[in-house]
């Protein structure tokens, strides 16, 4: 090895040692345990006015509802399979009840019942007629025995303030049921 190589290694060793010394000096200079700016910020936040928080609303106690299905029909059993001994349940349709589909339909049978309104009565030759308004189609005069509504509704009685009728609807088994409904005079 020549002198130039030895000098190179010596200067290299000195430069590494010098780098370590500078690093430790800088590290010691950076060591500052002063957190003054952080402490000032924390005190500032602590001293700020606190927002007023509204109290929680008063809790209301809700009484539980207990459903009692005693005496009601089970909605998951078809009409035809209901127990006939329970008189509170709806009985299946009668095989003898069915609408007359061969007769010619009247004008008010083309409207659903909820679209018809009773607007008055008129007495002609001791027969009480009801005046029925059918949407925008005008006012019709009907009497007992006439039909109205889409469910084969037949008028059974007309009084001064009400038209009573019997409708026929089909149940799930294809049998027909009759039920009473009415149209009330609109003031």
Protein backbone atom coordinates (compact mmCIF):
# COMPACT_ATOMS: atom_id res chain seq x y z
CA UNK A 1 0.00 0.00 0.00
CA UNK A 2 1.18 3.35 -0.84
CA UNK A 3 1.23 6.53 1.10
CA UNK A 4 -1.57 7.92 -0.95
CA UNK A 5 -3.85 5.05 0.10
CA UNK A 6 -2.93 5.45 3.76
CA UNK A 7 -3.59 9.17 3.59
CA UNK A 8 -6.93 8.50 1.93
CA UNK A 9 -8.02 6.10 4.72
CA UNK A 10 -6.80 8.49 7.43
CA UNK A 11 -8.66 11.46 5.95
CA UNK A 12 -11.70 9.20 5.45
CA UNK A 13 -11.60 8.20 9.15
CA UNK A 14 -11.27 11.83 10.20
CA UNK A 15 -14.19 12.90 7.97
CA UNK A 16 -16.43 10.18 9.45
CA UNK A 17 -15.47 11.18 13.00
CA UNK A 18 -16.05 14.83 12.13
CA UNK A 19 -19.52 13.94 10.74
CA UNK A 20 -20.41 12.14 14.02
CA UNK A 21 -19.30 15.13 16.09
CA UNK A 22 -21.37 17.57 13.97
CA UNK A 23 -24.40 15.27 14.18
CA UNK A 24 -24.19 15.12 18.00
CA UNK A 25 -23.80 18.90 18.26
CA UNK A 26 -26.86 19.46 16.09
CA UNK A 27 -28.79 16.85 18.06
CA UNK A 28 -27.92 18.51 21.38
CA UNK A 29 -28.89 21.90 19.91
CA UNK A 30 -32.28 20.53 18.88
CA UNK A 31 -32.97 19.26 22.36
CA UNK A 32 -35.32 21.88 23.68
CA UNK A 33 -37.90 20.78 26.22
CA UNK A 34 -39.82 24.02 25.85
CA UNK A 35 -43.45 23.37 24.83
CA UNK A 36 -44.48 26.95 25.46
CA UNK A 37 -46.44 27.38 22.22
CA UNK A 38 -48.35 24.12 22.84
CA UNK A 39 -49.12 25.08 26.44
CA UNK A 40 -50.34 28.53 25.33
CA UNK A 41 -52.68 26.95 22.75
CA UNK A 42 -54.11 24.50 25.32
CA UNK A 43 -54.79 27.34 27.79
CA UNK A 44 -56.44 29.37 25.04
CA UNK A 45 -58.82 26.48 24.22
CA UNK A 46 -59.59 25.93 27.92
CA UNK A 47 -60.44 29.59 28.44
CA UNK A 48 -62.76 29.92 25.44
CA UNK A 49 -66.44 30.30 26.25
CA UNK A 50 -68.15 26.93 26.30
CA UNK A 51 -71.26 26.47 24.14
CA UNK A 52 -74.54 26.05 25.95
CA UNK A 53 -75.82 22.55 25.37
CA UNK A 54 -79.58 22.16 25.50
CA UNK A 55 -80.82 19.56 27.97
CA UNK A 56 -82.22 16.32 26.59
CA UNK A 57 -85.96 16.40 25.84
CA UNK A 58 -88.31 14.89 28.36
CA UNK A 59 -88.86 11.20 27.65
CA UNK A 60 -92.46 10.11 27.32
CA UNK A 61 -93.41 6.63 28.40
CA UNK A 62 -95.32 4.86 25.66
CA UNK A 63 -97.82 2.34 26.89
CA UNK A 64 -97.45 -0.97 25.06
CA UNK A 65 -100.36 -2.15 22.92
CA UNK A 66 -101.45 -5.71 23.52
CA UNK A 67 -103.22 -7.20 20.52
CA UNK A 68 -105.99 -9.62 21.40
CA UNK A 69 -107.10 -11.67 18.40
CA UNK A 70 -109.69 -13.63 20.34
CA UNK A 71 -112.83 -13.95 18.22
CA UNK A 72 -111.22 -12.65 15.01
CA UNK A 73 -110.86 -14.64 11.82
CA UNK A 74 -107.39 -15.99 11.03
CA UNK A 75 -106.33 -14.13 7.85
CA UNK A 76 -104.16 -17.06 6.72
CA UNK A 77 -107.03 -19.54 6.41
CA UNK A 78 -109.17 -19.23 3.24
CA UNK A 79 -112.91 -18.56 3.69
CA UNK A 80 -113.88 -22.02 2.48
CA UNK A 81 -111.83 -23.77 5.21
CA UNK A 82 -113.15 -21.81 8.19
CA UNK A 83 -114.65 -23.68 11.10
CA UNK A 84 -118.43 -23.41 10.76
CA UNK A 85 -118.92 -23.90 14.51
CA UNK A 86 -117.42 -20.48 15.28
CA UNK A 87 -120.23 -18.04 14.62
CA UNK A 88 -117.98 -14.98 15.01
CA UNK A 89 -116.05 -15.92 11.87
CA UNK A 90 -117.24 -15.03 8.39
CA UNK A 91 -118.88 -17.97 6.71
CA UNK A 92 -117.93 -18.95 3.16
CA UNK A 93 -120.09 -17.82 0.27
CA UNK A 94 -123.38 -19.49 -0.56
CA UNK A 95 -123.43 -21.67 -3.70
CA UNK A 96 -126.91 -20.34 -4.52
CA UNK A 97 -125.83 -16.69 -4.55
CA UNK A 98 -124.49 -15.46 -7.87
CA UNK A 99 -124.99 -12.36 -9.97
CA UNK A 100 -127.17 -12.35 -13.06
CA UNK A 101 -124.60 -11.82 -15.77
CA UNK A 102 -127.14 -12.22 -18.59
CA UNK A 103 -129.08 -9.01 -17.78
CA UNK A 104 -128.21 -5.75 -19.50
CA UNK A 105 -126.02 -3.53 -17.32
CA UNK A 106 -127.32 -0.15 -16.23
CA UNK A 107 -125.42 3.14 -16.71
CA UNK A 108 -124.25 3.49 -13.10
CA UNK A 109 -122.71 -0.01 -13.07
CA UNK A 110 -119.76 1.30 -15.07
CA UNK A 111 -118.61 3.42 -12.08
CA UNK A 112 -117.00 2.14 -8.88
CA UNK A 113 -119.16 2.76 -5.83
CA UNK A 114 -116.70 5.24 -4.31
CA UNK A 115 -117.07 7.45 -7.43
CA UNK A 116 -120.85 7.75 -6.92
CA UNK A 117 -122.37 10.37 -4.61
CA UNK A 118 -125.94 10.81 -3.44
CA UNK A 119 -126.89 14.46 -3.97
CA UNK A 120 -130.61 14.40 -3.23
CA UNK A 121 -134.00 12.73 -3.58
CA UNK A 122 -137.15 13.47 -5.52
CA UNK A 123 -140.67 12.09 -4.93
CA UNK A 124 -142.54 11.37 -8.16
CA UNK A 125 -146.07 9.87 -7.90
CA UNK A 126 -145.40 8.61 -4.37
CA UNK A 127 -142.17 6.88 -5.44
CA UNK A 128 -138.95 8.11 -3.84
CA UNK A 129 -136.10 8.42 -6.33
CA UNK A 130 -132.46 9.07 -5.39
CA UNK A 131 -130.31 11.50 -7.34
CA UNK A 132 -126.81 10.06 -7.86
CA UNK A 133 -123.89 12.08 -9.22
CA UNK A 134 -121.41 9.99 -11.21
CA UNK A 135 -118.15 11.92 -11.49
CA UNK A 136 -118.39 14.40 -14.37
CA UNK A 137 -121.02 12.33 -16.22
CA UNK A 138 -123.97 14.11 -14.68
CA UNK A 139 -126.75 13.26 -12.25
CA UNK A 140 -128.81 10.08 -12.57
CA UNK A 141 -132.21 9.24 -11.07
CA UNK A 142 -132.50 5.75 -9.53
CA UNK A 143 -135.11 3.87 -7.51
CA UNK A 144 -135.34 0.60 -5.59
CA UNK A 145 -134.26 -2.37 -7.72
CA UNK A 146 -131.79 -0.39 -9.86
CA UNK A 147 -128.14 -1.44 -9.98
CA UNK A 148 -125.06 0.67 -9.36
CA UNK A 149 -121.36 0.12 -8.75
CA UNK A 150 -119.03 -2.50 -10.19
CA UNK A 151 -119.91 -5.20 -7.62
CA UNK A 152 -123.47 -5.91 -8.82
CA UNK A 153 -124.91 -3.50 -6.23
CA UNK A 154 -128.72 -3.59 -6.16
CA UNK A 155 -130.69 -0.83 -4.41
CA UNK A 156 -132.89 -2.32 -1.69
CA UNK A 157 -134.07 0.85 0.08
CA UNK A 158 -134.05 4.60 -0.48
CA UNK A 159 -134.63 7.06 2.34
CA UNK A 160 -134.37 10.85 2.33
CA UNK A 161 -130.69 10.83 3.33
CA UNK A 162 -129.40 7.37 2.35
CA UNK A 163 -129.46 4.72 -0.39
CA UNK A 164 -128.99 1.16 0.91
CA UNK A 165 -127.81 -1.55 -1.45
CA UNK A 166 -126.59 -5.12 -1.49
CA UNK A 167 -123.37 -5.93 -3.32
CA UNK A 168 -122.02 -9.32 -4.38
CA UNK A 169 -118.31 -10.07 -4.22
CA UNK A 170 -116.46 -13.26 -4.96
CA UNK A 171 -114.24 -14.88 -2.30
CA UNK A 172 -111.03 -16.82 -2.90
CA UNK A 173 -112.83 -20.08 -3.51
CA UNK A 174 -115.02 -18.57 -6.25
CA UNK A 175 -118.19 -18.47 -4.14
CA UNK A 176 -120.20 -15.25 -3.90
CA UNK A 177 -120.81 -13.25 -0.72
CA UNK A 178 -123.48 -10.59 -0.22
CA UNK A 179 -122.83 -7.57 1.92
CA UNK A 180 -124.80 -4.43 2.71
CA UNK A 181 -123.45 -0.96 1.96
CA UNK A 182 -124.91 2.49 1.49
CA UNK A 183 -124.48 5.90 -0.10
CA UNK A 184 -125.13 8.82 2.25
CA UNK A 185 -126.51 12.17 1.16
CA UNK A 186 -123.81 14.81 0.66
CA UNK A 187 -124.78 18.15 2.17
